[in-house]
Every structure is written in C-alpha cells, then in structure tokens.
Amino acid sequence: MNITPTLSIIIPVYNIENYIQDCLDCVVPQLSSNTELILVNDGSTDRSSQICSELAINNEFITYLTKSNGGVSSARNYGLRYAKGLYILFIDGDDTIYPKSISRILNKIEVTDADAITNSEFIRNYRNINIITKLKKNRYINKIEK
C-alpha cells in the first residue's frame, strides 16, 4: 500500500477459531485504500492463525502478525507498532460490526476532524438473544488546540 491509510483496524487473535471468520466476514468487505487491517496472532494454538494468515495472503489491505502469547493488551500494543493509519480502531476477534460501520467512521473523521470518535451502539448476544445497548449518540471529541 503506497498511501497512508486514514484508519488502522487492529484485531487481536487468540484461540477464537469459532468466531474469527464471522468477524472477518464483517470487516474485510469494508476495507478500502484508506484503511488497513492488522491481525495480531497472540500465540493461538487453534486454527485461528491459519484462518487469518490465509486471508492476509490475498489481500493488500491486511497485515498478519504473530507473537507469543501476552494477552489482549499486549497484542493491541504490538499491532500499534505496525499501524500506519492516522486513526486506530480496535475490534475484538469475537465481535462483529454493522455493514458500513467503517465508512461511517471515516466520514465522521472527515467531517469533524476529531481526535477521537465513539460508537453509538453495540449488540450483545446473550443466550442467543440480541440485546442492543445504546451509548450517547454519535459522540466525537474535537481537536484540542495547544
């Protein structure tokens, strides 16, 4: 990728072979030239690493990294070392996102020039029941002038 992406998406991966494909099926179609996806294998011992590495081989917007197990924060920090984006989005590998979530985030970045943007809702699946939890509506934090 020759241009600097606006958004780097970092997904830590550790023994989530039953969930990672659903996550990737939501995220990968939303990737574009102003995004990059960084998958950080945190020492998985299941098929998670294979799923991620095979996907990264054929996609110029995906970087696959591997490290010894250190926990989710360690994996995120490792991904940050390689992130080229102006903004960072963390997604857990057992989560999914709405269609157009990434384009909406990119649009909010462009319109507001904010330092940080928060999501407005998430869905929890509890015993196969989806529970929608709304946070404060479309919050963003304006740039702080120094």
N, C-alpha and C. Protein backbone atom coordinates (compact mmCIF):
# COMPACT_ATOMS: atom_id res chain seq x y z
N MET A 1 0.84 -1.16 0.00
CA MET A 1 0.00 0.00 0.00
C MET A 1 0.90 1.24 0.00
N ASN A 2 0.70 2.12 -0.97
CA ASN A 2 1.57 3.27 -1.12
C ASN A 2 1.08 4.50 -0.36
N ILE A 3 -0.21 4.64 -0.16
CA ILE A 3 -0.72 5.81 0.54
C ILE A 3 -0.89 5.52 2.02
N THR A 4 -0.83 6.57 2.82
CA THR A 4 -1.04 6.41 4.26
C THR A 4 -2.53 6.23 4.51
N PRO A 5 -2.90 5.13 5.15
CA PRO A 5 -4.33 4.93 5.41
C PRO A 5 -4.83 5.90 6.48
N THR A 6 -6.08 6.25 6.41
CA THR A 6 -6.70 7.08 7.43
C THR A 6 -6.94 6.26 8.69
N LEU A 7 -7.33 5.01 8.51
CA LEU A 7 -7.76 4.19 9.64
C LEU A 7 -7.03 2.85 9.65
N SER A 8 -6.42 2.54 10.79
CA SER A 8 -5.83 1.21 11.02
C SER A 8 -6.76 0.46 11.96
N ILE A 9 -7.16 -0.73 11.55
CA ILE A 9 -8.03 -1.57 12.37
C ILE A 9 -7.18 -2.71 12.92
N ILE A 10 -7.16 -2.84 14.23
CA ILE A 10 -6.33 -3.86 14.87
C ILE A 10 -7.24 -4.88 15.54
N ILE A 11 -7.04 -6.15 15.18
CA ILE A 11 -7.82 -7.24 15.77
C ILE A 11 -6.86 -8.24 16.40
N PRO A 12 -6.86 -8.34 17.74
CA PRO A 12 -6.08 -9.37 18.41
C PRO A 12 -6.75 -10.74 18.20
N VAL A 13 -5.94 -11.75 17.99
CA VAL A 13 -6.48 -13.09 17.71
C VAL A 13 -5.83 -14.08 18.66
N TYR A 14 -6.66 -14.72 19.48
CA TYR A 14 -6.15 -15.77 20.36
C TYR A 14 -7.22 -16.83 20.55
N ASN A 15 -7.02 -17.98 19.95
CA ASN A 15 -7.90 -19.16 20.10
C ASN A 15 -9.38 -18.82 19.95
N ILE A 16 -9.71 -18.19 18.82
CA ILE A 16 -11.10 -17.82 18.54
C ILE A 16 -11.56 -18.38 17.19
N GLU A 17 -11.12 -19.58 16.87
CA GLU A 17 -11.44 -20.14 15.56
C GLU A 17 -12.94 -20.24 15.32
N ASN A 18 -13.75 -20.34 16.35
CA ASN A 18 -15.21 -20.43 16.18
C ASN A 18 -15.85 -19.07 15.92
N TYR A 19 -15.12 -17.98 16.07
CA TYR A 19 -15.69 -16.64 15.95
C TYR A 19 -15.00 -15.77 14.91
N ILE A 20 -13.72 -15.99 14.65
CA ILE A 20 -12.94 -15.06 13.84
C ILE A 20 -13.46 -14.93 12.42
N GLN A 21 -13.98 -15.99 11.84
CA GLN A 21 -14.48 -15.88 10.47
C GLN A 21 -15.67 -14.93 10.38
N ASP A 22 -16.57 -14.97 11.36
CA ASP A 22 -17.71 -14.04 11.37
C ASP A 22 -17.22 -12.60 11.47
N CYS A 23 -16.22 -12.38 12.32
CA CYS A 23 -15.65 -11.04 12.47
C CYS A 23 -15.05 -10.57 11.14
N LEU A 24 -14.24 -11.42 10.54
CA LEU A 24 -13.58 -11.05 9.29
C LEU A 24 -14.57 -10.86 8.15
N ASP A 25 -15.64 -11.65 8.14
CA ASP A 25 -16.67 -11.50 7.10
C ASP A 25 -17.36 -10.14 7.19
N CYS A 26 -17.38 -9.54 8.36
CA CYS A 26 -17.96 -8.19 8.54
C CYS A 26 -16.97 -7.10 8.18
N VAL A 27 -15.71 -7.30 8.53
CA VAL A 27 -14.71 -6.25 8.39
C VAL A 27 -14.10 -6.19 7.00
N VAL A 28 -13.67 -7.31 6.47
CA VAL A 28 -12.91 -7.34 5.21
C VAL A 28 -13.64 -6.69 4.04
N PRO A 29 -14.94 -6.93 3.83
CA PRO A 29 -15.61 -6.27 2.70
C PRO A 29 -15.65 -4.74 2.83
N GLN A 30 -15.41 -4.23 4.02
CA GLN A 30 -15.45 -2.79 4.24
C GLN A 30 -14.09 -2.11 4.06
N LEU A 31 -13.04 -2.91 3.83
CA LEU A 31 -11.71 -2.34 3.66
C LEU A 31 -11.59 -1.62 2.33
N SER A 32 -10.76 -0.58 2.33
CA SER A 32 -10.52 0.18 1.10
C SER A 32 -9.11 0.76 1.15
N SER A 33 -8.79 1.57 0.18
CA SER A 33 -7.43 2.12 0.10
C SER A 33 -7.10 3.05 1.26
N ASN A 34 -8.09 3.54 2.00
CA ASN A 34 -7.79 4.41 3.14
C ASN A 34 -7.94 3.68 4.48
N THR A 35 -7.91 2.34 4.42
CA THR A 35 -7.95 1.53 5.64
C THR A 35 -6.91 0.42 5.55
N GLU A 36 -6.52 -0.06 6.71
CA GLU A 36 -5.69 -1.25 6.77
C GLU A 36 -6.19 -2.08 7.94
N LEU A 37 -6.07 -3.39 7.81
CA LEU A 37 -6.45 -4.31 8.86
C LEU A 37 -5.19 -5.02 9.33
N ILE A 38 -4.96 -4.97 10.64
CA ILE A 38 -3.81 -5.64 11.23
C ILE A 38 -4.33 -6.74 12.14
N LEU A 39 -4.06 -7.97 11.76
CA LEU A 39 -4.44 -9.13 12.56
C LEU A 39 -3.23 -9.57 13.37
N VAL A 40 -3.38 -9.62 14.68
CA VAL A 40 -2.25 -9.97 15.55
C VAL A 40 -2.53 -11.31 16.22
N ASN A 41 -1.87 -12.35 15.74
CA ASN A 41 -1.98 -13.66 16.37
C ASN A 41 -1.16 -13.63 17.66
N ASP A 42 -1.85 -13.80 18.77
CA ASP A 42 -1.22 -13.71 20.09
C ASP A 42 -0.91 -15.11 20.64
N GLY A 43 -0.30 -15.94 19.80
CA GLY A 43 0.10 -17.27 20.23
C GLY A 43 -1.01 -18.29 20.20
N SER A 44 -1.94 -18.15 19.28
CA SER A 44 -3.05 -19.10 19.17
C SER A 44 -2.56 -20.53 18.97
N THR A 45 -3.28 -21.46 19.55
CA THR A 45 -2.95 -22.88 19.37
C THR A 45 -4.05 -23.61 18.59
N ASP A 46 -5.06 -22.87 18.16
CA ASP A 46 -6.13 -23.48 17.36
C ASP A 46 -5.98 -23.02 15.91
N ARG A 47 -7.02 -23.12 15.11
CA ARG A 47 -6.96 -22.78 13.70
C ARG A 47 -7.09 -21.28 13.41
N SER A 48 -7.22 -20.46 14.44
CA SER A 48 -7.35 -19.01 14.25
C SER A 48 -6.23 -18.45 13.40
N SER A 49 -5.02 -18.84 13.71
CA SER A 49 -3.86 -18.31 12.99
C SER A 49 -3.89 -18.70 11.52
N GLN A 50 -4.30 -19.91 11.23
CA GLN A 50 -4.37 -20.37 9.84
C GLN A 50 -5.42 -19.59 9.07
N ILE A 51 -6.58 -19.38 9.67
CA ILE A 51 -7.66 -18.62 9.02
C ILE A 51 -7.17 -17.22 8.67
N CYS A 52 -6.50 -16.57 9.60
CA CYS A 52 -6.03 -15.19 9.40
C CYS A 52 -4.89 -15.10 8.39
N SER A 53 -3.92 -15.99 8.49
CA SER A 53 -2.77 -15.93 7.60
C SER A 53 -3.19 -16.21 6.15
N GLU A 54 -4.11 -17.14 5.94
CA GLU A 54 -4.59 -17.43 4.58
C GLU A 54 -5.33 -16.24 3.98
N LEU A 55 -6.10 -15.53 4.80
CA LEU A 55 -6.83 -14.37 4.32
C LEU A 55 -5.86 -13.24 3.95
N ALA A 56 -4.85 -13.04 4.75
CA ALA A 56 -3.90 -11.94 4.53
C ALA A 56 -3.08 -12.13 3.26
N ILE A 57 -2.84 -13.36 2.86
CA ILE A 57 -2.02 -13.64 1.67
C ILE A 57 -2.59 -12.97 0.43
N ASN A 58 -3.91 -12.95 0.30
CA ASN A 58 -4.54 -12.46 -0.92
C ASN A 58 -5.16 -11.08 -0.79
N ASN A 59 -4.84 -10.34 0.27
CA ASN A 59 -5.46 -9.04 0.43
C ASN A 59 -4.41 -8.00 0.79
N GLU A 60 -4.25 -7.01 -0.06
CA GLU A 60 -3.22 -5.99 0.14
C GLU A 60 -3.51 -5.07 1.32
N PHE A 61 -4.73 -5.06 1.81
CA PHE A 61 -5.09 -4.19 2.93
C PHE A 61 -4.95 -4.88 4.28
N ILE A 62 -4.49 -6.13 4.29
CA ILE A 62 -4.39 -6.90 5.54
C ILE A 62 -2.94 -7.24 5.84
N THR A 63 -2.54 -6.97 7.07
CA THR A 63 -1.22 -7.37 7.57
C THR A 63 -1.45 -8.40 8.66
N TYR A 64 -0.74 -9.51 8.57
CA TYR A 64 -0.84 -10.58 9.57
C TYR A 64 0.46 -10.62 10.36
N LEU A 65 0.34 -10.48 11.67
CA LEU A 65 1.50 -10.52 12.56
C LEU A 65 1.32 -11.66 13.55
N THR A 66 2.41 -12.19 14.03
CA THR A 66 2.32 -13.24 15.04
C THR A 66 3.33 -12.96 16.14
N LYS A 67 2.94 -13.26 17.37
CA LYS A 67 3.78 -13.05 18.53
C LYS A 67 3.46 -14.10 19.57
N SER A 68 4.30 -14.22 20.57
CA SER A 68 4.00 -15.16 21.65
C SER A 68 2.89 -14.57 22.52
N ASN A 69 2.16 -15.44 23.20
CA ASN A 69 1.00 -15.02 23.97
C ASN A 69 1.39 -14.04 25.07
N GLY A 70 0.65 -12.93 25.12
CA GLY A 70 0.89 -11.92 26.13
C GLY A 70 -0.39 -11.25 26.59
N GLY A 71 -1.52 -11.67 26.01
CA GLY A 71 -2.80 -11.07 26.38
C GLY A 71 -3.26 -10.05 25.36
N VAL A 72 -4.53 -9.67 25.49
CA VAL A 72 -5.16 -8.80 24.50
C VAL A 72 -4.49 -7.43 24.43
N SER A 73 -4.12 -6.85 25.56
CA SER A 73 -3.46 -5.53 25.54
C SER A 73 -2.10 -5.61 24.87
N SER A 74 -1.37 -6.66 25.14
CA SER A 74 -0.08 -6.87 24.50
C SER A 74 -0.22 -7.00 22.99
N ALA A 75 -1.24 -7.72 22.56
CA ALA A 75 -1.48 -7.89 21.12
C ALA A 75 -1.86 -6.57 20.47
N ARG A 76 -2.71 -5.78 21.13
CA ARG A 76 -3.08 -4.48 20.58
C ARG A 76 -1.86 -3.57 20.48
N ASN A 77 -1.06 -3.54 21.53
CA ASN A 77 0.15 -2.70 21.51
C ASN A 77 1.12 -3.14 20.42
N TYR A 78 1.23 -4.44 20.21
CA TYR A 78 2.08 -4.96 19.15
C TYR A 78 1.58 -4.48 17.79
N GLY A 79 0.26 -4.55 17.60
CA GLY A 79 -0.34 -4.06 16.36
C GLY A 79 -0.10 -2.57 16.15
N LEU A 80 -0.12 -1.80 17.24
CA LEU A 80 0.12 -0.36 17.13
C LEU A 80 1.50 -0.05 16.57
N ARG A 81 2.46 -0.91 16.84
CA ARG A 81 3.83 -0.70 16.32
C ARG A 81 3.85 -0.69 14.80
N TYR A 82 2.93 -1.40 14.18
CA TYR A 82 2.91 -1.56 12.72
C TYR A 82 1.83 -0.72 12.05
N ALA A 83 0.96 -0.11 12.83
CA ALA A 83 -0.14 0.67 12.27
C ALA A 83 0.38 1.92 11.57
N LYS A 84 -0.16 2.18 10.39
CA LYS A 84 0.23 3.35 9.61
C LYS A 84 -0.87 4.40 9.59
N GLY A 85 -2.05 4.06 10.06
CA GLY A 85 -3.19 4.97 9.98
C GLY A 85 -3.09 6.16 10.90
N LEU A 86 -3.82 7.19 10.54
CA LEU A 86 -3.91 8.39 11.38
C LEU A 86 -4.82 8.15 12.58
N TYR A 87 -5.76 7.22 12.43
CA TYR A 87 -6.69 6.84 13.49
C TYR A 87 -6.59 5.33 13.69
N ILE A 88 -6.97 4.88 14.89
CA ILE A 88 -6.93 3.47 15.24
C ILE A 88 -8.33 3.01 15.65
N LEU A 89 -8.71 1.84 15.18
CA LEU A 89 -9.96 1.20 15.61
C LEU A 89 -9.61 -0.19 16.11
N PHE A 90 -9.96 -0.49 17.35
CA PHE A 90 -9.77 -1.82 17.90
C PHE A 90 -11.08 -2.59 17.78
N ILE A 91 -11.00 -3.80 17.27
CA ILE A 91 -12.16 -4.70 17.22
C ILE A 91 -11.71 -6.02 17.82
N ASP A 92 -12.51 -6.59 18.70
CA ASP A 92 -12.19 -7.90 19.25
C ASP A 92 -12.54 -8.96 18.21
N GLY A 93 -11.75 -9.99 18.14
CA GLY A 93 -11.92 -11.03 17.13
C GLY A 93 -13.16 -11.88 17.28
N ASP A 94 -13.84 -11.76 18.41
CA ASP A 94 -15.10 -12.49 18.58
C ASP A 94 -16.31 -11.56 18.45
N ASP A 95 -16.08 -10.36 17.91
CA ASP A 95 -17.16 -9.39 17.69
C ASP A 95 -17.41 -9.22 16.21
N THR A 96 -18.57 -8.67 15.89
CA THR A 96 -18.89 -8.30 14.52
C THR A 96 -19.29 -6.83 14.51
N ILE A 97 -19.25 -6.23 13.33
CA ILE A 97 -19.64 -4.83 13.19
C ILE A 97 -20.72 -4.72 12.12
N TYR A 98 -21.47 -3.63 12.18
CA TYR A 98 -22.52 -3.38 11.19
C TYR A 98 -21.91 -3.12 9.82
N PRO A 99 -22.67 -3.44 8.76
CA PRO A 99 -22.24 -3.01 7.43
C PRO A 99 -22.13 -1.48 7.41
N LYS A 100 -21.19 -0.97 6.69
CA LYS A 100 -20.93 0.47 6.53
C LYS A 100 -20.40 1.14 7.79
N SER A 101 -20.09 0.38 8.85
CA SER A 101 -19.54 0.98 10.07
C SER A 101 -18.25 1.73 9.78
N ILE A 102 -17.38 1.12 9.01
CA ILE A 102 -16.09 1.74 8.74
C ILE A 102 -16.24 2.99 7.89
N SER A 103 -17.10 2.95 6.88
CA SER A 103 -17.30 4.16 6.06
C SER A 103 -17.93 5.27 6.89
N ARG A 104 -18.79 4.93 7.82
CA ARG A 104 -19.39 5.96 8.70
C ARG A 104 -18.34 6.57 9.61
N ILE A 105 -17.44 5.75 10.12
CA ILE A 105 -16.35 6.26 10.96
C ILE A 105 -15.46 7.19 10.13
N LEU A 106 -15.10 6.76 8.93
CA LEU A 106 -14.25 7.58 8.06
C LEU A 106 -14.95 8.90 7.72
N ASN A 107 -16.23 8.86 7.48
CA ASN A 107 -16.98 10.07 7.19
C ASN A 107 -16.98 11.01 8.39
N LYS A 108 -17.19 10.46 9.58
CA LYS A 108 -17.19 11.27 10.80
C LYS A 108 -15.82 11.90 11.02
N ILE A 109 -14.77 11.17 10.71
CA ILE A 109 -13.41 11.72 10.81
C ILE A 109 -13.26 12.91 9.87
N GLU A 110 -13.70 12.73 8.64
CA GLU A 110 -13.56 13.78 7.63
C GLU A 110 -14.37 15.02 7.99
N VAL A 111 -15.58 14.82 8.45
CA VAL A 111 -16.48 15.94 8.75
C VAL A 111 -16.06 16.69 10.00
N THR A 112 -15.62 15.97 11.03
CA THR A 112 -15.35 16.62 12.32
C THR A 112 -13.89 16.93 12.58
N ASP A 113 -12.98 16.24 11.90
CA ASP A 113 -11.55 16.34 12.18
C ASP A 113 -11.28 16.11 13.67
N ALA A 114 -12.03 15.19 14.25
CA ALA A 114 -11.95 14.91 15.69
C ALA A 114 -10.70 14.11 16.01
N ASP A 115 -10.28 14.18 17.27
CA ASP A 115 -9.17 13.36 17.74
C ASP A 115 -9.65 11.96 18.09
N ALA A 116 -10.90 11.82 18.51
CA ALA A 116 -11.45 10.52 18.89
C ALA A 116 -12.93 10.48 18.56
N ILE A 117 -13.41 9.30 18.21
CA ILE A 117 -14.82 9.10 17.89
C ILE A 117 -15.27 7.86 18.64
N THR A 118 -16.46 7.93 19.25
CA THR A 118 -17.00 6.76 19.94
C THR A 118 -18.19 6.23 19.17
N ASN A 119 -18.43 4.95 19.31
CA ASN A 119 -19.56 4.31 18.65
C ASN A 119 -20.83 4.60 19.42
N SER A 120 -21.97 4.49 18.77
CA SER A 120 -23.21 4.86 19.43
C SER A 120 -24.03 3.68 19.93
N GLU A 121 -23.74 2.48 19.48
CA GLU A 121 -24.47 1.33 19.99
C GLU A 121 -23.71 0.05 19.73
N PHE A 122 -24.05 -0.97 20.50
CA PHE A 122 -23.48 -2.28 20.25
C PHE A 122 -24.53 -3.32 20.58
N ILE A 123 -24.35 -4.50 20.04
CA ILE A 123 -25.29 -5.59 20.27
C ILE A 123 -24.58 -6.67 21.06
N ARG A 124 -25.17 -7.07 22.15
CA ARG A 124 -24.65 -8.19 22.93
C ARG A 124 -25.53 -9.39 22.64
N ASN A 125 -24.91 -10.51 22.44
CA ASN A 125 -25.67 -11.74 22.24
C ASN A 125 -25.59 -12.53 23.53
N TYR A 126 -26.73 -12.65 24.19
CA TYR A 126 -26.80 -13.36 25.45
C TYR A 126 -27.81 -14.48 25.31
N ARG A 127 -27.30 -15.71 25.37
CA ARG A 127 -28.16 -16.89 25.21
C ARG A 127 -29.00 -16.80 23.94
N ASN A 128 -28.31 -16.42 22.85
CA ASN A 128 -28.92 -16.31 21.52
C ASN A 128 -30.01 -15.25 21.43
N ILE A 129 -29.98 -14.27 22.31
CA ILE A 129 -30.88 -13.12 22.24
C ILE A 129 -30.02 -11.89 22.03
N ASN A 130 -30.30 -11.12 20.98
CA ASN A 130 -29.54 -9.90 20.72
C ASN A 130 -30.10 -8.77 21.57
N ILE A 131 -29.23 -8.13 22.33
CA ILE A 131 -29.61 -7.01 23.17
C ILE A 131 -28.87 -5.79 22.65
N ILE A 132 -29.61 -4.78 22.18
CA ILE A 132 -28.99 -3.57 21.66
C ILE A 132 -28.80 -2.59 22.80
N THR A 133 -27.57 -2.15 22.99
CA THR A 133 -27.25 -1.19 24.03
C THR A 133 -26.82 0.11 23.35
N LYS A 134 -27.51 1.18 23.64
CA LYS A 134 -27.17 2.46 23.03
C LYS A 134 -26.32 3.28 23.99
N LEU A 135 -25.27 3.85 23.46
CA LEU A 135 -24.44 4.77 24.20
C LEU A 135 -24.86 6.19 23.82
N LYS A 136 -24.19 7.17 24.29
CA LYS A 136 -24.52 8.54 23.90
C LYS A 136 -24.40 8.67 22.40
N LYS A 137 -25.34 9.33 21.79
CA LYS A 137 -25.46 9.38 20.34
C LYS A 137 -24.27 10.05 19.66
N ASN A 138 -23.63 9.31 18.76
CA ASN A 138 -22.60 9.81 17.85
C ASN A 138 -21.68 10.86 18.45
N ARG A 139 -21.02 10.50 19.50
CA ARG A 139 -20.10 11.43 20.16
C ARG A 139 -18.78 11.49 19.42
N TYR A 140 -18.20 12.66 19.44
CA TYR A 140 -16.84 12.81 18.95
C TYR A 140 -16.15 13.87 19.81
N ILE A 141 -14.86 13.79 19.84
CA ILE A 141 -14.08 14.72 20.65
C ILE A 141 -13.32 15.62 19.69
N ASN A 142 -13.58 16.90 19.76
CA ASN A 142 -12.89 17.84 18.87
C ASN A 142 -11.42 17.93 19.17
N LYS A 143 -10.68 18.37 18.20
CA LYS A 143 -9.25 18.56 18.39
C LYS A 143 -9.01 19.56 19.52
N ILE A 144 -7.99 19.31 20.28
CA ILE A 144 -7.60 20.20 21.35
C ILE A 144 -6.48 21.10 20.83
N GLU A 145 -6.70 22.37 20.86
CA GLU A 145 -5.69 23.32 20.40
C GLU A 145 -4.65 23.52 21.50
N LYS A 146 -3.40 23.44 21.14
CA LYS A 146 -2.33 23.66 22.11
C LYS A 146 -1.65 24.98 21.89
